[in-house]
Amino acid sequence: MEDAKKTAEAVGEKISDEWDKTTDRLSDKADEMKADAEVRKAEAEVDKAEAERDSVHTRNEIREELRD
């Protein structure tokens, strides 16, 4: 009977350890996905800013040509 109790406790600890590892992995993956999303957002903002800059540059060139 004592062996069964020890075995059950060992199994319980093993399950608990595996659960902790799994939740840590899920948390790490969620953090990674969040960081990737932030990078994509920042890249999109850079692309938008570059497009706006190019638009202003083109507009200014056209205005300069019209002045000539």
C-alpha atoms as a PDB file:
ATOM      1  CA  MET A   1       0.000   0.000   0.000  1.00  0.00           C
ATOM      2  CA  GLU A   2       2.854   2.377   0.817  1.00  0.00           C
ATOM      3  CA  ASP A   3       4.459   1.710  -2.580  1.00  0.00           C
ATOM      4  CA  ALA A   4       1.233   2.622  -4.353  1.00  0.00           C
ATOM      5  CA  LYS A   5       1.060   5.880  -2.419  1.00  0.00           C
ATOM      6  CA  LYS A   6       4.661   6.753  -3.313  1.00  0.00           C
ATOM      7  CA  THR A   7       4.047   5.841  -6.931  1.00  0.00           C
ATOM      8  CA  ALA A   8       0.919   7.984  -7.039  1.00  0.00           C
ATOM      9  CA  GLU A   9       2.803  10.918  -5.516  1.00  0.00           C
ATOM     10  CA  ALA A  10       5.649  10.508  -8.018  1.00  0.00           C
ATOM     11  CA  VAL A  11       3.181  10.411 -10.899  1.00  0.00           C
ATOM     12  CA  GLY A  12       1.430  13.484  -9.524  1.00  0.00           C
ATOM     13  CA  GLU A  13       4.731  15.360  -9.308  1.00  0.00           C
ATOM     14  CA  LYS A  14       5.663  14.299 -12.827  1.00  0.00           C
ATOM     15  CA  ILE A  15       2.304  15.515 -14.162  1.00  0.00           C
ATOM     16  CA  SER A  16       2.696  18.788 -12.289  1.00  0.00           C
ATOM     17  CA  ASP A  17       6.221  19.292 -13.660  1.00  0.00           C
ATOM     18  CA  GLU A  18       5.094  18.560 -17.219  1.00  0.00           C
ATOM     19  CA  TRP A  19       2.142  20.928 -16.800  1.00  0.00           C
ATOM     20  CA  ASP A  20       4.496  23.700 -15.644  1.00  0.00           C
ATOM     21  CA  LYS A  21       6.812  23.074 -18.600  1.00  0.00           C
ATOM     22  CA  THR A  22       3.890  23.131 -21.025  1.00  0.00           C
ATOM     23  CA  THR A  23       2.476  26.377 -19.659  1.00  0.00           C
ATOM     24  CA  ASP A  24       5.960  27.926 -19.818  1.00  0.00           C
ATOM     25  CA  ARG A  25       6.306  26.863 -23.462  1.00  0.00           C
ATOM     26  CA  LEU A  26       2.899  28.299 -24.301  1.00  0.00           C
ATOM     27  CA  SER A  27       3.768  31.549 -22.568  1.00  0.00           C
ATOM     28  CA  ASP A  28       7.077  31.732 -24.445  1.00  0.00           C
ATOM     29  CA  LYS A  29       5.311  31.107 -27.764  1.00  0.00           C
ATOM     30  CA  ALA A  30       2.717  33.793 -26.991  1.00  0.00           C
ATOM     31  CA  ASP A  31       5.501  36.268 -26.175  1.00  0.00           C
ATOM     32  CA  GLU A  32       7.248  35.368 -29.427  1.00  0.00           C
ATOM     33  CA  MET A  33       4.075  35.856 -31.454  1.00  0.00           C
ATOM     34  CA  LYS A  34       3.418  39.204 -29.767  1.00  0.00           C
ATOM     35  CA  ALA A  35       6.968  40.373 -30.547  1.00  0.00           C
ATOM     36  CA  ASP A  36       6.591  39.266 -34.171  1.00  0.00           C
ATOM     37  CA  ALA A  37       3.331  41.194 -34.448  1.00  0.00           C
ATOM     38  CA  GLU A  38       4.993  44.314 -33.022  1.00  0.00           C
ATOM     39  CA  VAL A  39       7.788  43.993 -35.591  1.00  0.00           C
ATOM     40  CA  ARG A  40       5.285  43.644 -38.443  1.00  0.00           C
ATOM     41  CA  LYS A  41       3.422  46.699 -37.167  1.00  0.00           C
ATOM     42  CA  ALA A  42       6.624  48.736 -36.949  1.00  0.00           C
ATOM     43  CA  GLU A  43       7.652  47.639 -40.442  1.00  0.00           C
ATOM     44  CA  ALA A  44       4.248  48.679 -41.782  1.00  0.00           C
ATOM     45  CA  GLU A  45       4.619  52.085 -40.141  1.00  0.00           C
ATOM     46  CA  VAL A  46       8.056  52.503 -41.734  1.00  0.00           C
ATOM     47  CA  ASP A  47       6.637  51.533 -45.135  1.00  0.00           C
ATOM     48  CA  LYS A  48       3.851  54.070 -44.703  1.00  0.00           C
ATOM     49  CA  ALA A  49       6.270  56.819 -43.674  1.00  0.00           C
ATOM     50  CA  GLU A  50       8.513  56.063 -46.650  1.00  0.00           C
ATOM     51  CA  ALA A  51       5.534  56.178 -49.004  1.00  0.00           C
ATOM     52  CA  GLU A  52       4.472  59.535 -47.567  1.00  0.00           C
ATOM     53  CA  ARG A  53       8.025  60.850 -47.946  1.00  0.00           C
ATOM     54  CA  ASP A  54       8.161  59.700 -51.567  1.00  0.00           C
ATOM     55  CA  SER A  55       4.779  61.273 -52.229  1.00  0.00           C
ATOM     56  CA  VAL A  56       5.912  64.621 -50.833  1.00  0.00           C
ATOM     57  CA  HIS A  57       9.133  64.418 -52.805  1.00  0.00           C
ATOM     58  CA  THR A  58       7.241  63.701 -56.039  1.00  0.00           C
ATOM     59  CA  ARG A  59       4.723  66.459 -55.342  1.00  0.00           C
ATOM     60  CA  ASN A  60       7.523  68.942 -54.727  1.00  0.00           C
ATOM     61  CA  GLU A  61       9.254  67.934 -57.963  1.00  0.00           C
ATOM     62  CA  ILE A  62       6.052  68.453 -59.914  1.00  0.00           C
ATOM     63  CA  ARG A  63       5.520  71.853 -58.304  1.00  0.00           C
ATOM     64  CA  GLU A  64       9.084  72.847 -59.155  1.00  0.00           C
ATOM     65  CA  GLU A  65       8.585  71.796 -62.775  1.00  0.00           C
ATOM     66  CA  LEU A  66       5.394  73.865 -62.965  1.00  0.00           C
ATOM     67  CA  ARG A  67       7.264  76.913 -61.669  1.00  0.00           C
ATOM     68  CA  ASP A  68       9.770  76.714 -64.539  1.00  0.00           C
END
